[in-house]
Amino acid sequence: MKNRRKGVLKKKKNILFILIVTFLVVFLITSNKENPKSKNDVKEWYYDNKSQYHLSTEEDKVNNSQKVIIAVIDSGINIKNPYISKYIWRNKEENEDGIDEDNNGYVDDVNGWNFINNNKNIVSKKNNHGTYIAYIISTNIEKISKNASSNIKLMPLKVLNSYGQCKNNKSIIKAIKYAEKQGAKICNISFGTEYYSKELKATIQKSNMLFVVSAGNGKSIGRNIDKKNIYPACYECDNIITVGNANKIGKANATSNFGTKSVDVFAPGTDIVCIDADGKYEYKTGTSFATPFVSSVAAIQLSHNNKMSIKSLKKKVLLQTIKKENMLGFDNGGVLLK
């Protein structure tokens, strides 16, 4: 009887995890702006010289001699997209032949792994969330250095299904451990849950990766996550950077979550140009789309010195910010990615 009760409780926890993660992912991919019809109609306001942000600067030129891997733990990535494909990580020890050449327990993990179905299929056409994230990272790096694709790579790790659901935290934990074993140093997590997991927190704490995570959003107005926590954003771990969504005038977007204790920095996350699995351009708004800007800045910093400790890397990234009086009360120090 006790074992049956434990099984029921475990099932309820997993269902709760699924529902909450789904809720957050859904509200991280909304925008009121009309989508561009072609590349010529695309307006990337955050690269404009008149904007509040200076995301492309000469001093940030990528050092092409040092390799950096960013693990994108999300819904999968369309690795054949021409804007993304050259940034996709390749497991050099594995061939697509039905044999586990590197003996890591993942057969044919040539470009990453699907932790939902436990197979090599890392592409999702029904849920473009991971492809959006990959496009923002690759575009931002491309703006800074045309040669960056030779040394900064994206590792697709699929944990969210077509509906933005995550079965349980085990798939995320497995993805984190896989990423670290394969040499990733930065981990982009653009989703969250209200479900606290000791195991997930411990896995992040023990990891030698920098986790760049989204603060989450409200449906119409953001909330103070210092008071009502979102995870992994609110785990007290030294290797996490939590990111909020800033708008065109350098203020917190009304829908973005905030918190002087939990949120480290705000970055552009309003009307961000993305590309879906079919190559169509879309504008997206949410902390999901602010997070990859910070991940790409971290990768650029690490490319200058890939022996840098994660503690030093986090410090370096947070130095790439400007203090803004109107951001006081929204994040730790009132800072905005510059």
Protein backbone atom coordinates (compact mmCIF):
# COMPACT_ATOMS: atom_id res chain seq x y z
CA MET A 1 0.00 0.00 0.00
CA LYS A 2 2.88 2.37 0.90
CA ASN A 3 4.64 1.70 -2.41
CA ARG A 4 1.42 2.39 -4.31
CA ARG A 5 0.97 5.70 -2.45
CA LYS A 6 4.57 6.70 -3.26
CA GLY A 7 3.94 5.91 -6.91
CA VAL A 8 0.80 8.09 -6.96
CA LEU A 9 2.65 11.00 -5.31
CA LYS A 10 5.52 10.70 -7.78
CA LYS A 11 3.07 10.70 -10.70
CA LYS A 12 1.34 13.82 -9.32
CA LYS A 13 4.68 15.63 -9.01
CA ASN A 14 5.55 14.77 -12.62
CA ILE A 15 2.14 16.00 -13.84
CA LEU A 16 2.63 19.26 -11.89
CA PHE A 17 6.06 19.70 -13.47
CA ILE A 18 4.60 19.17 -16.96
CA LEU A 19 1.75 21.66 -16.46
CA ILE A 20 3.91 24.44 -15.01
CA VAL A 21 6.68 24.16 -17.61
CA THR A 22 4.05 24.17 -20.37
CA PHE A 23 2.44 27.32 -18.94
CA LEU A 24 5.72 29.22 -18.89
CA VAL A 25 6.93 28.19 -22.34
CA VAL A 26 3.61 29.21 -23.91
CA PHE A 27 3.87 32.73 -22.50
CA LEU A 28 7.51 33.11 -23.48
CA ILE A 29 6.73 33.14 -27.20
CA THR A 30 4.35 36.01 -27.78
CA SER A 31 4.66 39.33 -29.64
CA ASN A 32 2.15 41.91 -30.86
CA LYS A 33 4.28 43.02 -33.80
CA GLU A 34 3.36 41.91 -37.33
CA ASN A 35 5.82 39.35 -38.64
CA PRO A 36 8.20 40.35 -41.48
CA LYS A 37 7.34 38.89 -44.89
CA SER A 38 10.96 38.56 -46.03
CA LYS A 39 14.57 39.16 -44.97
CA ASN A 40 14.32 42.68 -46.41
CA ASP A 41 11.47 43.52 -44.01
CA VAL A 42 13.39 42.38 -40.92
CA LYS A 43 14.05 45.14 -38.38
CA GLU A 44 16.63 44.26 -35.72
CA TRP A 45 16.26 47.41 -33.62
CA TYR A 46 18.73 46.12 -30.98
CA TYR A 47 21.62 46.44 -33.46
CA ASP A 48 20.72 50.02 -34.36
CA ASN A 49 23.39 52.58 -33.39
CA LYS A 50 20.66 54.71 -31.81
CA SER A 51 19.42 51.92 -29.54
CA GLN A 52 20.21 51.51 -25.84
CA TYR A 53 22.37 48.49 -26.62
CA HIS A 54 25.83 48.08 -28.12
CA LEU A 55 25.85 44.36 -28.74
CA SER A 56 28.44 44.46 -31.53
CA THR A 57 31.70 46.08 -30.46
CA GLU A 58 35.25 45.83 -31.80
CA GLU A 59 36.64 44.64 -28.47
CA ASP A 60 34.35 41.61 -28.57
CA LYS A 61 35.87 40.12 -31.73
CA VAL A 62 35.97 36.36 -31.30
CA ASN A 63 39.32 34.68 -30.74
CA ASN A 64 39.14 31.95 -33.38
CA SER A 65 41.77 29.74 -31.79
CA GLN A 66 39.64 28.70 -28.79
CA LYS A 67 36.59 26.46 -28.93
CA VAL A 68 33.37 27.09 -26.98
CA ILE A 69 30.25 24.88 -26.87
CA ILE A 70 26.84 26.24 -25.82
CA ALA A 71 24.32 23.56 -24.84
CA VAL A 72 20.81 24.61 -25.86
CA ILE A 73 18.47 22.64 -23.59
CA ASP A 74 15.09 23.22 -25.19
CA SER A 75 12.64 21.81 -27.76
CA GLY A 76 15.28 20.80 -30.32
CA ILE A 77 16.81 22.77 -33.20
CA ASN A 78 16.33 22.70 -36.95
CA ILE A 79 20.00 21.92 -37.65
CA LYS A 80 19.55 22.21 -41.43
CA ASN A 81 18.52 25.86 -41.30
CA PRO A 82 21.19 27.70 -43.36
CA TYR A 83 21.55 30.46 -40.74
CA ILE A 84 22.10 27.94 -37.95
CA SER A 85 23.67 24.82 -39.52
CA LYS A 86 27.29 26.02 -39.48
CA TYR A 87 27.03 26.64 -35.73
CA ILE A 88 25.80 23.15 -34.87
CA TRP A 89 28.11 21.04 -32.72
CA ARG A 90 29.49 17.81 -34.19
CA ASN A 91 30.47 14.81 -32.06
CA LYS A 92 33.66 13.81 -33.87
CA GLU A 93 33.83 10.47 -32.09
CA GLU A 94 30.44 9.29 -33.41
CA ASN A 95 29.15 8.24 -36.85
CA GLU A 96 25.54 7.83 -37.94
CA ASP A 97 25.74 4.08 -38.40
CA GLY A 98 23.76 2.51 -35.55
CA ILE A 99 26.91 1.93 -33.49
CA ASP A 100 27.84 3.73 -30.28
CA GLU A 101 31.46 4.44 -31.26
CA ASP A 102 32.25 6.64 -28.27
CA ASN A 103 30.58 4.21 -25.80
CA ASN A 104 28.67 6.96 -23.99
CA GLY A 105 25.33 5.12 -24.08
CA TYR A 106 23.85 7.33 -26.84
CA VAL A 107 23.83 5.66 -30.25
CA ASP A 108 24.41 8.04 -33.21
CA ASP A 109 24.51 11.20 -31.07
CA VAL A 110 26.26 13.00 -33.91
CA ASN A 111 24.81 16.46 -33.17
CA GLY A 112 23.12 16.07 -29.78
CA TRP A 113 20.34 14.03 -28.21
CA ASN A 114 16.57 13.82 -27.74
CA PHE A 115 16.03 13.13 -24.02
CA ILE A 116 12.25 12.78 -24.44
CA ASN A 117 12.25 9.83 -26.82
CA ASN A 118 15.83 8.75 -26.07
CA ASN A 119 16.98 8.95 -29.67
CA LYS A 120 19.03 11.08 -32.08
CA ASN A 121 16.05 13.07 -33.44
CA ILE A 122 16.79 16.63 -32.27
CA VAL A 123 14.60 18.48 -34.80
CA SER A 124 11.07 19.70 -33.98
CA LYS A 125 8.87 21.30 -36.62
CA LYS A 126 5.88 21.66 -34.31
CA ASN A 127 7.73 23.56 -31.58
CA ASN A 128 10.15 26.18 -32.92
CA HIS A 129 11.23 27.46 -29.50
CA GLY A 130 14.71 25.87 -29.59
CA THR A 131 15.26 26.98 -33.20
CA TYR A 132 14.39 30.57 -32.19
CA ILE A 133 17.01 30.44 -29.42
CA ALA A 134 19.67 29.00 -31.74
CA TYR A 135 18.95 31.66 -34.37
CA ILE A 136 19.36 34.52 -31.86
CA ILE A 137 22.68 33.13 -30.56
CA SER A 138 24.09 32.50 -34.04
CA THR A 139 22.90 35.87 -35.37
CA ASN A 140 24.41 37.77 -32.45
CA ILE A 141 27.76 36.00 -32.85
CA GLU A 142 27.62 36.56 -36.62
CA LYS A 143 27.14 40.30 -36.06
CA ILE A 144 30.28 40.35 -33.92
CA SER A 145 32.53 38.10 -36.01
CA LYS A 146 32.01 36.51 -39.42
CA ASN A 147 34.46 33.72 -38.50
CA ALA A 148 32.86 32.82 -35.18
CA SER A 149 31.14 29.68 -36.48
CA SER A 150 34.52 27.99 -36.64
CA ASN A 151 34.89 27.98 -32.87
CA ILE A 152 31.53 28.62 -31.18
CA LYS A 153 29.11 25.72 -31.52
CA LEU A 154 25.55 24.97 -30.39
CA MET A 155 24.68 21.56 -28.92
CA PRO A 156 20.94 20.73 -29.36
CA LEU A 157 19.55 18.83 -26.36
CA LYS A 158 15.82 18.18 -26.60
CA VAL A 159 13.80 18.03 -23.35
CA LEU A 160 10.57 19.83 -24.37
CA ASN A 161 8.02 18.10 -26.59
CA SER A 162 5.88 19.60 -29.36
CA TYR A 163 3.56 21.20 -26.78
CA GLY A 164 6.36 22.70 -24.69
CA GLN A 165 5.98 19.99 -22.05
CA CYS A 166 8.77 18.42 -20.06
CA LYS A 167 7.93 14.95 -18.68
CA ASN A 168 9.99 15.44 -15.52
CA ASN A 169 13.24 16.92 -14.32
CA LYS A 170 15.16 13.70 -15.03
CA SER A 171 15.44 14.51 -18.74
CA ILE A 172 16.85 17.96 -17.90
CA ILE A 173 19.35 16.44 -15.43
CA LYS A 174 20.45 13.89 -18.04
CA ALA A 175 20.84 16.66 -20.63
CA ILE A 176 23.01 18.72 -18.27
CA LYS A 177 25.27 15.75 -17.48
CA TYR A 178 25.53 14.86 -21.17
CA ALA A 179 26.45 18.46 -22.10
CA GLU A 180 29.21 18.64 -19.51
CA LYS A 181 30.70 15.27 -20.52
CA GLN A 182 30.77 16.43 -24.14
CA GLY A 183 32.66 19.61 -23.25
CA ALA A 184 29.96 22.31 -23.11
CA LYS A 185 30.82 25.29 -20.90
CA ILE A 186 27.64 27.36 -21.28
CA CYS A 187 24.08 26.11 -20.95
CA ASN A 188 21.09 28.11 -22.25
CA ILE A 189 17.78 27.28 -20.51
CA SER A 190 14.94 29.46 -21.78
CA PHE A 191 12.10 27.95 -19.76
CA GLY A 192 11.16 27.43 -16.14
CA THR A 193 8.84 25.89 -13.60
CA GLU A 194 7.40 26.66 -10.16
CA TYR A 195 8.27 23.10 -9.15
CA TYR A 196 11.36 23.03 -6.87
CA SER A 197 13.69 20.10 -7.48
CA LYS A 198 16.53 19.26 -5.08
CA GLU A 199 18.04 16.96 -7.69
CA LEU A 200 18.04 19.60 -10.45
CA LYS A 201 19.54 22.23 -8.14
CA ALA A 202 22.27 19.83 -7.00
CA THR A 203 23.09 18.91 -10.62
CA ILE A 204 23.47 22.59 -11.55
CA GLN A 205 25.53 23.36 -8.44
CA LYS A 206 27.94 20.51 -9.11
CA SER A 207 28.31 21.38 -12.79
CA ASN A 208 31.31 23.23 -14.21
CA MET A 209 29.10 25.08 -16.72
CA LEU A 210 27.62 28.57 -16.67
CA PHE A 211 23.80 28.40 -16.79
CA VAL A 212 22.08 31.32 -18.51
CA VAL A 213 18.38 31.05 -17.68
CA SER A 214 15.21 33.05 -18.30
CA ALA A 215 13.38 34.82 -15.47
CA GLY A 216 9.98 33.95 -16.97
CA ASN A 217 6.96 36.16 -17.73
CA GLY A 218 3.46 36.91 -16.62
CA LYS A 219 0.60 36.73 -19.10
CA SER A 220 0.04 40.49 -18.99
CA ILE A 221 2.38 41.66 -16.21
CA GLY A 222 5.55 40.20 -14.72
CA ARG A 223 5.91 39.23 -11.09
CA ASN A 224 8.57 39.51 -8.40
CA ILE A 225 10.23 36.09 -8.42
CA ASP A 226 12.05 36.89 -5.17
CA LYS A 227 8.62 36.37 -3.58
CA LYS A 228 7.12 33.74 -5.87
CA ASN A 229 9.97 31.66 -7.21
CA ILE A 230 10.61 30.27 -10.68
CA TYR A 231 13.23 27.56 -11.23
CA PRO A 232 16.03 27.23 -12.23
CA ALA A 233 16.06 31.06 -12.21
CA CYS A 234 15.77 31.24 -8.41
CA TYR A 235 18.16 28.47 -7.42
CA GLU A 236 20.89 30.03 -5.28
CA CYS A 237 23.80 28.79 -7.38
CA ASP A 238 26.95 30.77 -8.19
CA ASN A 239 26.98 29.46 -11.77
CA ILE A 240 23.55 30.83 -12.80
CA ILE A 241 22.82 34.12 -14.60
CA THR A 242 19.10 34.92 -14.62
CA VAL A 243 17.90 37.17 -17.44
CA GLY A 244 14.92 39.53 -17.71
CA ASN A 245 13.35 41.07 -20.84
CA ALA A 246 14.18 44.70 -21.64
CA ASN A 247 12.39 46.78 -24.26
CA LYS A 248 13.56 49.23 -26.94
CA ILE A 249 14.00 52.14 -24.53
CA GLY A 250 16.08 50.21 -22.04
CA LYS A 251 13.37 49.50 -19.50
CA ALA A 252 11.92 46.27 -18.17
CA ASN A 253 9.14 44.97 -20.42
CA ALA A 254 5.87 45.00 -18.44
CA THR A 255 5.46 41.22 -18.92
CA SER A 256 8.94 40.34 -17.66
CA ASN A 257 9.46 38.81 -14.25
CA PHE A 258 11.89 40.68 -12.03
CA GLY A 259 13.61 40.55 -8.65
CA THR A 260 16.58 42.34 -7.06
CA LYS A 261 17.77 39.08 -5.54
CA SER A 262 16.99 36.58 -8.31
CA VAL A 263 17.48 38.49 -11.59
CA ASP A 264 21.05 39.39 -12.58
CA VAL A 265 20.61 41.34 -15.81
CA PHE A 266 18.08 42.49 -18.40
CA ALA A 267 18.74 42.08 -22.14
CA PRO A 268 16.76 42.81 -25.34
CA GLY A 269 13.72 40.53 -25.35
CA THR A 270 11.02 42.58 -27.06
CA ASP A 271 10.16 42.11 -30.77
CA ILE A 272 13.22 39.95 -31.38
CA VAL A 273 13.69 38.58 -34.90
CA CYS A 274 13.52 34.77 -35.01
CA ILE A 275 13.29 32.14 -37.72
CA ASP A 276 11.12 29.03 -37.58
CA ALA A 277 11.77 25.49 -38.84
CA ASP A 278 10.36 26.42 -42.29
CA GLY A 279 12.61 29.48 -42.63
CA LYS A 280 9.86 32.06 -41.95
CA TYR A 281 10.75 35.17 -39.95
CA GLU A 282 8.82 36.04 -36.82
CA TYR A 283 9.00 38.63 -34.04
CA LYS A 284 9.04 37.17 -30.53
CA THR A 285 8.82 38.74 -27.10
CA GLY A 286 9.78 37.24 -23.74
CA THR A 287 12.63 36.44 -21.39
CA SER A 288 13.25 33.31 -23.50
CA PHE A 289 14.57 35.56 -26.24
CA ALA A 290 16.61 37.83 -23.96
CA THR A 291 18.53 34.86 -22.53
CA PRO A 292 20.38 33.84 -25.76
CA PHE A 293 21.88 37.33 -26.07
CA VAL A 294 23.57 36.79 -22.71
CA SER A 295 24.62 33.24 -23.66
CA SER A 296 26.31 34.53 -26.82
CA VAL A 297 28.11 37.30 -24.88
CA ALA A 298 29.35 34.63 -22.42
CA ALA A 299 30.61 32.49 -25.32
CA ILE A 300 32.47 35.44 -26.82
CA GLN A 301 34.11 36.21 -23.47
CA LEU A 302 35.10 32.56 -23.03
CA SER A 303 36.50 32.39 -26.57
CA HIS A 304 39.17 34.89 -25.49
CA ASN A 305 40.25 32.52 -22.71
CA ASN A 306 38.58 29.12 -22.51
CA LYS A 307 40.59 28.23 -19.39
CA MET A 308 38.67 30.88 -17.46
CA SER A 309 36.80 29.63 -14.37
CA ILE A 310 33.01 29.75 -14.44
CA LYS A 311 33.05 32.20 -11.53
CA SER A 312 35.33 34.52 -13.53
CA LEU A 313 33.20 34.09 -16.65
CA LYS A 314 30.04 35.08 -14.81
CA LYS A 315 31.82 38.14 -13.43
CA LYS A 316 33.08 39.06 -16.93
CA VAL A 317 29.60 38.78 -18.42
CA LEU A 318 28.05 40.96 -15.71
CA LEU A 319 30.74 43.57 -16.37
CA GLN A 320 29.29 43.86 -19.89
CA THR A 321 26.40 45.87 -18.44
CA ILE A 322 25.46 49.45 -17.74
CA LYS A 323 23.74 50.71 -14.62
CA LYS A 324 20.40 52.37 -15.32
CA GLU A 325 18.45 54.31 -12.72
CA ASN A 326 15.15 53.16 -14.21
CA MET A 327 16.23 49.52 -13.74
CA LEU A 328 16.75 49.82 -9.98
CA GLY A 329 14.32 47.51 -8.22
CA PHE A 330 14.11 45.15 -11.21
CA ASP A 331 17.38 43.25 -10.98
CA ASN A 332 20.50 42.90 -8.88
CA GLY A 333 22.14 46.33 -9.23
CA GLY A 334 19.80 47.79 -11.86
CA VAL A 335 21.87 46.64 -14.82
CA LEU A 336 21.21 46.24 -18.54
CA LEU A 337 23.26 44.29 -21.06
CA LYS A 338 25.17 46.80 -23.17
